[in-house]
Amino acid sequence: MKGLAGPAVATLLSASGVVAFPSLNLGNTRHTQHLVNVGKRQILGGPQGAGALPLLPPPFDAEAQYVSNQGEHAFVAPGSGDARGECPGLNALANHNYLPHNGVATIQQFIDATYNGVGMERDLGGFLAVYGAIIDGDGTSWSIEGVPHTGIAGSHHNYESDSSPFKPDLNQYGSNERFVMSQFKTLYDMQPDPTTANYNLEVFRDFRNTRFRQSVSDNPYFFYGPFDGLQVSQAAYTFIYRFMSNKSAENPEGVLNQEVLKSWHSVQGEGDDMMHVPGHERIPDNWYKRNAADTYSIPYFEADILYFAAKYPEILTVGCNAGKGNTYGTIDPDVLTAGAATLQSLTSNPFCFGVNFLEAAGPSLLGLSDSQTSSLNSALQQAASAGSCAPNPITDTSLTQLQNCPGFSLYGGPEGPIAPGAVQDGPLS
């Protein structure tokens, strides 16, 4: 294992053309007009953040993009038997009857709810729904909360990861599904003027770096794996702006102000009196989703990961703390993949590396049956196709260094042991 070497990684990112999508052909997507070669990005000052996609404003259609929170979609608080978990967006969709109110849904229900409710393209929504059903459910459905093998809350380092925006690291706080108000306030205070606040990709890029380094410092068992770290943890940040920002004719890319942010995350009050009400996430009033010509796809998500990494390349490492804070060491991709992948190939296309590694290592790591393996591989291959990945070069994996990480686990949560020496910042709600 190697120490966290930001300059070295940054040099390699630059040398590999990390912002150029060398292996990604976007010509077969409906987003071509927006997802052009990222290396040719203009430095834009749009609401999405300087340098972030799209290059051109998407269309806006108020009637088509309005998402109702009235009538059959009026807010209904969860009852004692209803599941509400780590993902505020899924919680809100269940509270407004876009997902079943009990929080347990089928693959198709997840795909339809995320497409109709927030504008997630079906390639990304389909992969996430199928992955959840195989890894955390019964093969056809899964819970947005749950315990190991039934839902997200029991899927630590599978579908849920360390360094979340507002949720605790499992081995730092002993929970991965409660809410850390100090983390929310860190983001909230980055845009202090309510008249101009906009928590866009540029803001989230800096906040993502803050949280990564907090986990390195405060969680002795911090673990950042080939899939949960490189992919899942990034989505927790990009999804907030991309799916929760309010679109309009003036700002079709979306603006995420303080009130909209708080509504989606069930935070009430102002200043020091802010409080979180678990499971009461709401779709805001007069809220508009992404346009059908600008749905958020796998290539779009990959572009956002590379946008983050262009400033903070350490997010494209695999590694862990060694049992104490600030002992983060990286694990070489060539060691993990028996020489089939390198740091350069990982940083060129982290999505393809993540799905390729999961296809090669997932069955043995996760203890999958033959039928589960077949279903998972099919989902991964479809995701790889959507991302225009080359054929999977990884045929063998060496997992010893991953498994030697003190924080390595695959089915922890929603509660777990607190690592000796963990540093906590305030109470949980």
Protein backbone atom coordinates (compact mmCIF):
# COMPACT_ATOMS: atom_id res chain seq x y z
CA MET A 1 0.00 0.00 0.00
CA LYS A 2 1.11 3.53 -0.73
CA GLY A 3 0.43 6.74 1.11
CA LEU A 4 -2.12 9.21 -0.23
CA ALA A 5 -0.05 10.90 -2.93
CA GLY A 6 -2.14 13.71 -4.35
CA PRO A 7 0.53 15.29 -6.62
CA ALA A 8 1.51 11.93 -8.09
CA VAL A 9 -2.09 11.04 -8.81
CA ALA A 10 -2.69 14.53 -10.21
CA THR A 11 0.24 14.15 -12.59
CA LEU A 12 -1.09 10.84 -13.81
CA LEU A 13 -4.58 12.25 -14.24
CA SER A 14 -3.16 15.00 -16.40
CA ALA A 15 -0.96 12.64 -18.36
CA SER A 16 -3.82 10.25 -19.01
CA GLY A 17 -6.16 12.97 -20.22
CA VAL A 18 -8.67 12.27 -17.48
CA VAL A 19 -11.10 14.84 -18.84
CA ALA A 20 -10.97 13.55 -22.39
CA PHE A 21 -13.02 10.32 -22.10
CA PRO A 22 -10.50 8.30 -24.15
CA SER A 23 -12.65 5.16 -24.21
CA LEU A 24 -16.12 6.63 -24.07
CA ASN A 25 -18.12 6.93 -27.26
CA LEU A 26 -21.10 9.15 -26.56
CA GLY A 27 -22.49 9.11 -30.07
CA ASN A 28 -25.04 6.43 -29.20
CA THR A 29 -26.73 8.45 -26.45
CA ARG A 30 -29.52 10.99 -26.58
CA HIS A 31 -27.29 13.48 -24.77
CA THR A 32 -24.74 14.05 -27.53
CA GLN A 33 -25.39 17.77 -27.72
CA HIS A 34 -24.44 18.10 -24.04
CA LEU A 35 -21.97 15.26 -23.47
CA VAL A 36 -19.33 16.34 -25.97
CA ASN A 37 -15.66 15.78 -25.34
CA VAL A 38 -15.19 16.94 -21.77
CA GLY A 39 -11.67 18.07 -22.56
CA LYS A 40 -13.20 20.86 -24.68
CA ARG A 41 -15.31 22.25 -21.87
CA GLN A 42 -15.62 25.97 -21.76
CA ILE A 43 -15.17 27.62 -18.39
CA LEU A 44 -18.81 28.47 -17.88
CA GLY A 45 -20.44 30.41 -15.11
CA GLY A 46 -23.81 28.67 -15.37
CA PRO A 47 -25.88 27.57 -12.38
CA GLN A 48 -24.40 24.07 -12.52
CA GLY A 49 -20.90 25.42 -11.67
CA ALA A 50 -17.90 26.56 -13.68
CA GLY A 51 -16.71 23.85 -16.04
CA ALA A 52 -19.50 21.37 -15.26
CA LEU A 53 -21.83 19.96 -17.89
CA PRO A 54 -23.96 20.82 -19.77
CA LEU A 55 -22.11 23.04 -22.18
CA LEU A 56 -25.40 24.37 -23.53
CA PRO A 57 -28.58 24.95 -21.50
CA PRO A 58 -31.06 22.08 -21.87
CA PRO A 59 -34.66 22.78 -22.90
CA PHE A 60 -37.31 23.51 -20.30
CA ASP A 61 -40.95 22.46 -20.51
CA ALA A 62 -42.85 23.49 -17.40
CA GLU A 63 -45.83 21.21 -17.99
CA ALA A 64 -43.73 18.13 -18.70
CA GLN A 65 -41.19 18.77 -15.94
CA TYR A 66 -43.50 19.68 -13.08
CA VAL A 67 -43.50 17.02 -10.34
CA SER A 68 -46.68 16.99 -8.32
CA ASN A 69 -46.69 16.84 -4.53
CA GLN A 70 -50.48 17.13 -4.39
CA GLY A 71 -53.44 14.73 -4.59
CA GLU A 72 -52.28 11.14 -4.93
CA HIS A 73 -48.73 12.43 -4.52
CA ALA A 74 -49.35 14.49 -1.39
CA PHE A 75 -46.84 13.96 1.40
CA VAL A 76 -47.72 11.16 3.82
CA ALA A 77 -45.37 10.62 6.73
CA PRO A 78 -44.00 7.09 7.14
CA GLY A 79 -45.67 4.82 9.63
CA SER A 80 -44.08 2.39 12.04
CA GLY A 81 -43.84 -0.36 9.42
CA ASP A 82 -42.53 1.81 6.57
CA ALA A 83 -38.87 1.68 5.53
CA ARG A 84 -36.90 4.90 5.20
CA GLY A 85 -33.14 4.72 4.83
CA GLU A 86 -29.93 6.41 3.70
CA CYS A 87 -31.12 7.87 0.41
CA PRO A 88 -33.16 11.08 0.87
CA GLY A 89 -34.37 11.01 -2.72
CA LEU A 90 -35.83 7.51 -2.40
CA ASN A 91 -37.36 8.44 0.96
CA ALA A 92 -39.08 11.44 -0.63
CA LEU A 93 -40.34 9.38 -3.57
CA ALA A 94 -41.87 6.91 -1.11
CA ASN A 95 -43.40 9.69 1.00
CA HIS A 96 -45.09 11.04 -2.15
CA ASN A 97 -46.26 7.68 -3.54
CA TYR A 98 -43.91 7.57 -6.52
CA LEU A 99 -42.46 4.50 -4.82
CA PRO A 100 -44.58 2.20 -2.65
CA HIS A 101 -45.15 3.91 0.69
CA ASN A 102 -43.75 0.96 2.64
CA GLY A 103 -40.33 1.55 1.03
CA VAL A 104 -40.04 -1.86 -0.61
CA ALA A 105 -40.19 -1.83 -4.41
CA THR A 106 -39.59 -3.99 -7.45
CA ILE A 107 -36.91 -3.35 -10.05
CA GLN A 108 -39.42 -1.78 -12.45
CA GLN A 109 -40.94 0.38 -9.73
CA PHE A 110 -37.49 1.81 -8.92
CA ILE A 111 -36.76 2.46 -12.60
CA ASP A 112 -40.10 4.19 -13.19
CA ALA A 113 -40.02 6.24 -9.98
CA THR A 114 -36.52 7.61 -10.54
CA TYR A 115 -37.22 8.38 -14.19
CA ASN A 116 -40.62 9.98 -13.63
CA GLY A 117 -39.78 11.58 -10.31
CA VAL A 118 -36.36 13.14 -10.88
CA GLY A 119 -35.24 12.43 -14.47
CA MET A 120 -32.75 9.59 -13.98
CA GLU A 121 -32.12 7.91 -17.34
CA ARG A 122 -33.17 4.29 -17.49
CA ASP A 123 -29.65 3.00 -18.12
CA LEU A 124 -28.49 4.31 -14.73
CA GLY A 125 -31.80 3.70 -12.95
CA GLY A 126 -32.00 0.20 -14.37
CA PHE A 127 -28.51 -0.75 -13.26
CA LEU A 128 -29.02 0.62 -9.73
CA ALA A 129 -32.39 -1.11 -9.40
CA VAL A 130 -31.14 -4.50 -10.60
CA TYR A 131 -27.95 -4.24 -8.54
CA GLY A 132 -30.00 -3.50 -5.42
CA ALA A 133 -32.32 -6.42 -6.03
CA ILE A 134 -29.47 -8.89 -6.53
CA ILE A 135 -27.11 -7.66 -3.82
CA ASP A 136 -29.57 -6.44 -1.21
CA GLY A 137 -32.90 -8.05 -2.01
CA ASP A 138 -34.63 -11.16 -3.22
CA GLY A 139 -33.63 -10.79 -6.86
CA THR A 140 -36.76 -8.88 -7.86
CA SER A 141 -37.22 -6.26 -5.10
CA TRP A 142 -35.42 -4.58 -2.20
CA SER A 143 -35.91 -2.14 0.64
CA ILE A 144 -34.73 1.46 0.83
CA GLU A 145 -33.78 0.65 4.45
CA GLY A 146 -33.59 -2.97 5.56
CA VAL A 147 -30.81 -5.03 7.12
CA PRO A 148 -28.12 -7.19 5.48
CA HIS A 149 -29.47 -8.93 2.36
CA THR A 150 -32.78 -7.02 2.43
CA GLY A 151 -31.93 -3.35 1.84
CA ILE A 152 -29.50 -0.44 1.61
CA ALA A 153 -28.98 0.01 5.34
CA GLY A 154 -27.40 -3.45 5.59
CA SER A 155 -25.21 -2.97 2.54
CA HIS A 156 -22.13 -1.23 3.90
CA HIS A 157 -19.47 -1.03 1.14
CA ASN A 158 -21.88 -2.54 -1.41
CA TYR A 159 -24.69 -0.05 -1.98
CA GLU A 160 -23.68 2.31 0.84
CA SER A 161 -20.28 3.73 1.64
CA ASP A 162 -18.13 5.77 3.99
CA SER A 163 -17.71 9.56 3.54
CA SER A 164 -21.40 10.18 2.87
CA PRO A 165 -22.55 13.81 2.67
CA PHE A 166 -24.79 13.75 5.76
CA LYS A 167 -24.88 10.17 7.01
CA PRO A 168 -22.29 8.79 9.45
CA ASP A 169 -19.47 6.40 8.65
CA LEU A 170 -20.55 3.09 10.15
CA ASN A 171 -17.40 2.49 12.21
CA GLN A 172 -17.02 6.13 13.20
CA TYR A 173 -20.47 6.53 14.79
CA GLY A 174 -21.80 2.97 15.04
CA SER A 175 -24.55 3.77 12.51
CA ASN A 176 -24.73 4.35 8.78
CA GLU A 177 -28.34 5.55 8.47
CA ARG A 178 -28.79 8.35 10.99
CA PHE A 179 -28.12 12.03 10.26
CA VAL A 180 -25.09 14.11 11.24
CA MET A 181 -26.26 17.72 11.49
CA SER A 182 -22.69 19.06 11.70
CA GLN A 183 -22.00 17.62 8.24
CA PHE A 184 -25.17 19.19 6.85
CA LYS A 185 -24.23 22.55 8.36
CA THR A 186 -20.79 22.37 6.79
CA LEU A 187 -22.41 22.29 3.36
CA TYR A 188 -25.19 24.71 4.29
CA ASP A 189 -22.70 27.34 5.45
CA MET A 190 -20.83 27.18 2.16
CA GLN A 191 -23.68 29.26 0.65
CA PRO A 192 -24.68 31.53 3.56
CA ASP A 193 -26.80 34.10 1.69
CA PRO A 194 -30.32 32.69 1.24
CA THR A 195 -31.02 35.09 -1.63
CA THR A 196 -28.16 33.75 -3.78
CA ALA A 197 -27.45 30.27 -2.36
CA ASN A 198 -26.98 27.56 -4.97
CA TYR A 199 -25.43 24.22 -3.96
CA ASN A 200 -24.18 23.29 -7.41
CA LEU A 201 -21.52 20.87 -8.68
CA GLU A 202 -18.75 23.35 -7.95
CA VAL A 203 -19.86 23.61 -4.32
CA PHE A 204 -20.37 19.86 -4.00
CA ARG A 205 -16.93 19.20 -5.46
CA ASP A 206 -15.35 21.12 -2.59
CA PHE A 207 -17.70 19.60 -0.03
CA ARG A 208 -16.92 16.12 -1.32
CA ASN A 209 -13.23 16.79 -0.71
CA THR A 210 -13.98 18.06 2.81
CA ARG A 211 -15.90 14.91 3.69
CA PHE A 212 -13.28 12.59 2.18
CA ARG A 213 -10.60 14.18 4.33
CA GLN A 214 -12.83 14.15 7.41
CA SER A 215 -13.25 10.40 7.03
CA VAL A 216 -9.50 9.96 6.58
CA SER A 217 -8.89 12.02 9.72
CA ASP A 218 -11.68 10.82 12.01
CA ASN A 219 -12.57 7.24 11.00
CA PRO A 220 -9.74 4.79 11.81
CA TYR A 221 -11.58 2.14 9.74
CA PHE A 222 -12.26 4.36 6.71
CA PHE A 223 -12.53 2.15 3.61
CA TYR A 224 -12.74 3.31 0.01
CA GLY A 225 -13.25 0.40 -2.34
CA PRO A 226 -13.16 -0.17 -6.10
CA PHE A 227 -16.94 0.15 -6.44
CA ASP A 228 -18.38 1.69 -3.28
CA GLY A 229 -15.67 4.35 -3.13
CA LEU A 230 -15.10 5.16 -6.79
CA GLN A 231 -18.79 5.03 -7.76
CA VAL A 232 -21.31 4.88 -4.92
CA SER A 233 -19.78 7.59 -2.79
CA GLN A 234 -19.52 10.01 -5.73
CA ALA A 235 -23.18 9.49 -6.59
CA ALA A 236 -24.17 10.56 -3.09
CA TYR A 237 -22.82 14.02 -3.97
CA THR A 238 -23.57 14.45 -7.66
CA PHE A 239 -27.13 13.16 -7.27
CA ILE A 240 -28.05 15.90 -4.80
CA TYR A 241 -27.53 18.74 -7.24
CA ARG A 242 -28.39 16.84 -10.41
CA PHE A 243 -31.69 15.46 -9.11
CA MET A 244 -32.79 17.87 -6.38
CA SER A 245 -32.06 21.26 -7.95
CA ASN A 246 -35.16 23.07 -9.20
CA LYS A 247 -35.24 23.61 -12.95
CA SER A 248 -36.83 26.70 -14.55
CA ALA A 249 -36.94 28.62 -17.81
CA GLU A 250 -34.36 31.02 -16.38
CA ASN A 251 -32.12 28.23 -15.06
CA PRO A 252 -32.92 25.00 -16.92
CA GLU A 253 -29.77 23.36 -15.52
CA GLY A 254 -31.20 23.83 -12.02
CA VAL A 255 -30.69 25.88 -8.86
CA LEU A 256 -30.51 24.22 -5.47
CA ASN A 257 -31.25 26.87 -2.85
CA GLN A 258 -31.43 26.51 0.91
CA GLU A 259 -35.14 25.76 1.18
CA VAL A 260 -35.12 23.15 -1.57
CA LEU A 261 -32.05 21.50 -0.05
CA LYS A 262 -33.71 21.35 3.38
CA SER A 263 -36.98 20.00 1.99
CA TRP A 264 -35.30 17.08 0.23
CA HIS A 265 -33.29 16.28 3.39
CA SER A 266 -36.04 16.76 5.98
CA VAL A 267 -34.29 19.62 7.76
CA GLN A 268 -36.44 22.21 9.48
CA GLY A 269 -35.72 25.54 11.18
CA GLU A 270 -32.95 28.09 10.75
CA GLY A 271 -29.40 28.60 12.00
CA ASP A 272 -28.59 26.90 15.28
CA ASP A 273 -32.23 25.80 15.56
CA MET A 274 -32.11 23.58 12.48
CA MET A 275 -33.21 20.02 13.18
CA HIS A 276 -33.58 16.85 11.16
CA VAL A 277 -36.81 14.83 11.21
CA PRO A 278 -35.91 11.26 10.18
CA GLY A 279 -37.81 9.89 7.20
CA HIS A 280 -39.83 13.02 6.43
CA GLU A 281 -38.08 14.02 3.21
CA ARG A 282 -40.36 16.00 0.88
CA ILE A 283 -40.56 16.99 -2.77
CA PRO A 284 -40.70 20.81 -2.58
CA ASP A 285 -43.64 22.88 -3.75
CA ASN A 286 -43.46 24.16 -7.34
CA TRP A 287 -40.60 21.84 -8.16
CA TYR A 288 -39.46 20.83 -11.67
CA LYS A 289 -37.30 17.84 -12.61
CA ARG A 290 -34.81 17.36 -15.45
CA ASN A 291 -36.04 17.66 -19.02
CA ALA A 292 -36.64 14.42 -20.97
CA ALA A 293 -33.90 15.49 -23.41
CA ASP A 294 -31.48 15.94 -20.50
CA THR A 295 -32.04 12.90 -18.30
CA TYR A 296 -29.09 11.87 -16.14
CA SER A 297 -27.38 8.86 -17.69
CA ILE A 298 -24.34 6.70 -16.99
CA PRO A 299 -22.07 8.80 -19.26
CA TYR A 300 -23.35 11.99 -17.62
CA PHE A 301 -22.58 10.55 -14.17
CA GLU A 302 -19.11 9.56 -15.30
CA ALA A 303 -18.50 13.10 -16.54
CA ASP A 304 -19.37 14.44 -13.09
CA ILE A 305 -16.96 12.03 -11.38
CA LEU A 306 -14.17 13.23 -13.64
CA TYR A 307 -15.19 16.83 -12.97
CA PHE A 308 -14.69 16.19 -9.25
CA ALA A 309 -11.41 14.37 -9.83
CA ALA A 310 -9.95 17.11 -12.00
CA LYS A 311 -9.62 19.21 -8.83
CA TYR A 312 -9.36 16.45 -6.21
CA PRO A 313 -7.66 13.42 -7.81
CA GLU A 314 -7.50 11.49 -4.54
CA ILE A 315 -11.14 10.51 -5.02
CA LEU A 316 -9.94 8.18 -7.79
CA THR A 317 -7.89 5.99 -5.50
CA VAL A 318 -8.67 2.69 -3.81
CA GLY A 319 -7.51 2.42 -0.21
CA CYS A 320 -8.19 2.51 3.51
CA ASN A 321 -7.03 3.70 6.89
CA ALA A 322 -4.85 1.23 8.75
CA GLY A 323 -6.67 1.34 12.11
CA LYS A 324 -5.84 4.93 13.02
CA GLY A 325 -6.88 8.28 11.65
CA ASN A 326 -4.75 9.80 8.90
CA THR A 327 -3.17 6.50 7.91
CA TYR A 328 -4.88 6.28 4.51
CA GLY A 329 -2.90 4.20 2.04
CA THR A 330 -3.76 3.44 -1.55
CA ILE A 331 -3.89 0.01 -3.17
CA ASP A 332 -2.54 -0.25 -6.70
CA PRO A 333 -5.15 -1.29 -9.27
CA ASP A 334 -2.60 -3.54 -10.97
CA VAL A 335 -2.22 -5.48 -7.72
CA LEU A 336 -6.00 -5.86 -7.38
CA THR A 337 -6.39 -7.02 -10.98
CA ALA A 338 -3.27 -9.16 -11.50
CA GLY A 339 -1.88 -6.53 -13.86
CA ALA A 340 -4.99 -6.14 -16.03
CA ALA A 341 -5.70 -2.56 -14.89
CA THR A 342 -3.46 0.34 -13.98
CA LEU A 343 -3.91 3.63 -12.17
CA GLN A 344 -3.94 5.31 -15.56
CA SER A 345 -6.78 3.13 -16.87
CA LEU A 346 -8.71 3.63 -13.62
CA THR A 347 -8.41 7.41 -13.74
CA SER A 348 -9.27 7.50 -17.44
CA ASN A 349 -12.57 5.76 -16.82
CA PRO A 350 -13.39 4.95 -13.20
CA PHE A 351 -16.88 3.73 -14.07
CA CYS A 352 -15.56 1.03 -16.41
CA PHE A 353 -12.93 0.01 -13.86
CA GLY A 354 -15.58 -0.26 -11.15
CA VAL A 355 -18.02 -2.41 -13.11
CA ASN A 356 -15.22 -4.55 -14.57
CA PHE A 357 -13.76 -5.20 -11.13
CA LEU A 358 -17.18 -6.02 -9.72
CA GLU A 359 -17.86 -8.47 -12.53
CA ALA A 360 -14.54 -10.23 -11.91
CA ALA A 361 -14.50 -10.17 -8.10
CA GLY A 362 -18.14 -9.79 -7.07
CA PRO A 363 -19.26 -13.42 -7.08
CA SER A 364 -16.51 -14.59 -4.72
CA LEU A 365 -16.53 -11.44 -2.57
CA LEU A 366 -20.29 -11.47 -2.13
CA GLY A 367 -20.83 -15.22 -1.98
CA LEU A 368 -23.29 -15.19 -4.87
CA SER A 369 -25.05 -18.23 -6.23
CA ASP A 370 -24.73 -19.16 -9.91
CA SER A 371 -28.09 -17.58 -10.70
CA GLN A 372 -27.22 -14.41 -8.79
CA THR A 373 -23.87 -14.24 -10.56
CA SER A 374 -25.56 -14.59 -13.93
CA SER A 375 -28.03 -11.82 -13.12
CA LEU A 376 -25.33 -9.53 -11.74
CA ASN A 377 -23.04 -10.06 -14.73
CA SER A 378 -25.87 -9.33 -17.11
CA ALA A 379 -26.60 -6.04 -15.31
CA LEU A 380 -22.92 -5.10 -15.22
CA GLN A 381 -22.46 -5.86 -18.91
CA GLN A 382 -25.47 -3.71 -19.79
CA ALA A 383 -24.06 -0.89 -17.67
CA ALA A 384 -20.66 -1.29 -19.31
CA SER A 385 -22.32 -1.09 -22.72
CA ALA A 386 -24.13 2.09 -21.71
CA GLY A 387 -20.77 3.52 -20.65
CA SER A 388 -19.13 2.36 -23.90
CA CYS A 389 -16.59 0.35 -21.92
CA ALA A 390 -14.14 -1.90 -23.74
CA PRO A 391 -14.43 -5.67 -23.13
CA ASN A 392 -13.56 -6.50 -19.54
CA PRO A 393 -9.79 -7.10 -19.32
CA ILE A 394 -9.93 -8.32 -15.70
CA THR A 395 -9.93 -12.10 -15.52
CA ASP A 396 -8.23 -12.55 -12.15
CA THR A 397 -8.22 -10.56 -8.92
CA SER A 398 -6.09 -10.45 -5.80
CA LEU A 399 -8.19 -9.32 -2.86
CA THR A 400 -5.79 -9.76 0.05
CA GLN A 401 -4.95 -6.07 0.45
CA LEU A 402 -8.65 -5.12 0.40
CA GLN A 403 -9.54 -7.79 2.91
CA ASN A 404 -6.68 -6.72 5.19
CA CYS A 405 -8.19 -3.27 5.61
CA PRO A 406 -9.63 -2.98 9.15
CA GLY A 407 -12.83 -1.42 7.76
CA PHE A 408 -13.39 -4.00 5.03
CA SER A 409 -16.91 -5.43 5.12
CA LEU A 410 -19.67 -6.02 2.62
CA TYR A 411 -22.86 -6.43 4.61
CA GLY A 412 -22.53 -4.21 7.67
CA GLY A 413 -25.14 -1.83 9.03
CA PRO A 414 -27.42 -0.27 9.94
CA GLU A 415 -25.50 -0.56 13.21
CA GLY A 416 -21.93 -1.65 13.79
CA PRO A 417 -18.92 -1.43 16.10
CA ILE A 418 -17.20 1.91 16.65
CA ALA A 419 -13.50 1.82 15.82
CA PRO A 420 -11.11 2.58 18.69
CA GLY A 421 -9.99 6.18 18.38
CA ALA A 422 -12.90 7.30 16.20
CA VAL A 423 -13.63 11.03 16.38
CA GLN A 424 -17.29 12.11 16.38
CA ASP A 425 -18.66 15.58 15.71
CA GLY A 426 -21.94 16.06 17.49
CA PRO A 427 -25.05 13.95 18.04
CA LEU A 428 -26.99 11.91 15.49
CA SER A 429 -30.67 12.25 14.65
